[in-house]
Amino acid sequence: MLAVDKKTFEEEVLNYDGHVLVDFWSDGCEPCKALMPHIEELENQYGDQIKFCKLNITSARRLAIKQKVLGLPTICIYHNGEKVDELTKDDASKTNIEDMIKKYI
């Protein structure tokens, strides 16, 4: 999974032509860390159809706020630079994330 930061987010996500899944997480978020292996599994399944990125918001808080990420974990799907879907907190389960991915591939 491609790790993006505040310097590369625009290029890798907002300027990408197609669908991108972004996993917003932080070092202090235990549910985020628990979810990460499941997202990596989904990348193995769907990575040829949708781009997977992760953003550690610990050093990118302003960017997260600008993207309206108000809780963690947050999983978003962007299409051609626009956020088109989002799952946050308890809704961000492996099953829900996979269902969300399937809507866009």
Protein backbone atom coordinates (compact mmCIF):
# COMPACT_ATOMS: atom_id res chain seq x y z
CA MET A 1 0.00 0.00 0.00
CA LEU A 2 1.40 3.36 -1.00
CA ALA A 3 2.10 5.60 2.00
CA VAL A 4 1.30 9.21 1.17
CA ASP A 5 1.94 12.35 3.21
CA LYS A 6 0.98 16.00 3.03
CA LYS A 7 3.53 16.51 0.23
CA THR A 8 2.43 13.60 -1.97
CA PHE A 9 -1.33 13.41 -1.22
CA GLU A 10 -2.32 15.85 -3.96
CA GLU A 11 -0.22 14.16 -6.62
CA GLU A 12 -1.09 10.55 -5.69
CA VAL A 13 -4.77 11.00 -4.74
CA LEU A 14 -6.27 14.30 -5.90
CA ASN A 15 -4.52 14.31 -9.29
CA TYR A 16 -4.97 10.58 -9.93
CA ASP A 17 -7.15 9.64 -12.88
CA GLY A 18 -9.37 6.87 -11.54
CA HIS A 19 -10.37 5.43 -8.18
CA VAL A 20 -8.19 5.65 -5.06
CA LEU A 21 -8.91 4.18 -1.64
CA VAL A 22 -7.28 6.16 1.17
CA ASP A 23 -6.87 4.76 4.67
CA PHE A 24 -6.59 7.68 7.12
CA TRP A 25 -4.94 6.44 10.33
CA SER A 26 -2.63 7.54 13.14
CA ASP A 27 0.00 6.02 15.42
CA GLY A 28 -2.27 6.32 18.47
CA CYS A 29 -5.32 4.71 16.87
CA GLU A 30 -5.51 1.04 17.89
CA PRO A 31 -8.62 0.32 15.74
CA CYS A 32 -6.70 1.75 12.76
CA LYS A 33 -3.78 -0.61 13.38
CA ALA A 34 -6.15 -3.57 13.79
CA LEU A 35 -7.84 -2.72 10.47
CA MET A 36 -4.61 -2.25 8.47
CA PRO A 37 -3.96 -5.98 7.74
CA HIS A 38 -7.52 -6.33 6.41
CA ILE A 39 -7.03 -3.38 4.08
CA GLU A 40 -3.76 -4.91 2.89
CA GLU A 41 -5.69 -8.14 2.15
CA LEU A 42 -8.23 -6.14 0.16
CA GLU A 43 -5.38 -4.51 -1.74
CA ASN A 44 -4.12 -7.97 -2.68
CA GLN A 45 -7.60 -8.78 -4.01
CA TYR A 46 -8.53 -5.50 -5.69
CA GLY A 47 -5.23 -3.63 -6.12
CA ASP A 48 -5.26 -4.14 -9.87
CA GLN A 49 -8.61 -2.34 -10.11
CA ILE A 50 -8.29 0.45 -7.53
CA LYS A 51 -5.27 2.29 -6.13
CA PHE A 52 -4.64 1.87 -2.38
CA CYS A 53 -3.00 4.58 -0.27
CA LYS A 54 -2.61 5.23 3.43
CA LEU A 55 -2.10 8.54 5.18
CA ASN A 56 -0.81 8.77 8.73
CA ILE A 57 -2.54 11.92 9.95
CA THR A 58 -0.16 12.31 12.92
CA SER A 59 1.97 14.61 10.76
CA ALA A 60 -0.84 15.73 8.42
CA ARG A 61 -3.63 16.97 10.69
CA ARG A 62 -4.48 20.03 8.58
CA LEU A 63 -4.75 17.89 5.49
CA ALA A 64 -7.06 15.46 7.31
CA ILE A 65 -9.27 18.32 8.49
CA LYS A 66 -9.33 19.79 4.97
CA GLN A 67 -10.50 16.36 3.73
CA LYS A 68 -13.21 16.42 6.44
CA VAL A 69 -11.74 13.43 8.27
CA LEU A 70 -13.24 13.92 11.72
CA GLY A 71 -12.75 10.49 13.28
CA LEU A 72 -10.53 7.45 12.91
CA PRO A 73 -10.29 5.06 11.28
CA THR A 74 -11.63 6.67 8.11
CA ILE A 75 -11.54 4.94 4.75
CA CYS A 76 -12.37 7.11 1.72
CA ILE A 77 -12.72 6.46 -1.97
CA TYR A 78 -11.78 9.22 -4.37
CA HIS A 79 -12.57 9.29 -8.08
CA ASN A 80 -10.63 11.72 -10.26
CA GLY A 81 -9.73 13.76 -7.17
CA GLU A 82 -13.22 13.99 -5.66
CA LYS A 83 -14.23 12.11 -2.51
CA VAL A 84 -17.14 9.88 -3.51
CA ASP A 85 -17.54 7.60 -0.48
CA GLU A 86 -16.41 7.24 3.12
CA LEU A 87 -16.59 4.88 6.08
CA THR A 88 -15.67 6.08 9.57
CA LYS A 89 -15.12 4.55 13.01
CA ASP A 90 -17.31 1.48 13.67
CA ASP A 91 -18.59 1.45 10.08
CA ALA A 92 -15.02 0.90 8.83
CA SER A 93 -15.11 -2.90 8.98
CA LYS A 94 -13.48 -5.22 6.45
CA THR A 95 -16.89 -6.30 5.12
CA ASN A 96 -18.16 -2.72 4.72
CA ILE A 97 -14.91 -1.61 3.09
CA GLU A 98 -15.05 -4.49 0.62
CA ASP A 99 -18.70 -3.67 -0.19
CA MET A 100 -17.71 -0.04 -0.77
CA ILE A 101 -14.84 -1.06 -3.07
CA LYS A 102 -17.17 -3.30 -5.11
CA LYS A 103 -19.44 -0.32 -5.83
CA TYR A 104 -16.62 1.40 -7.73
CA ILE A 105 -14.84 -1.38 -9.62
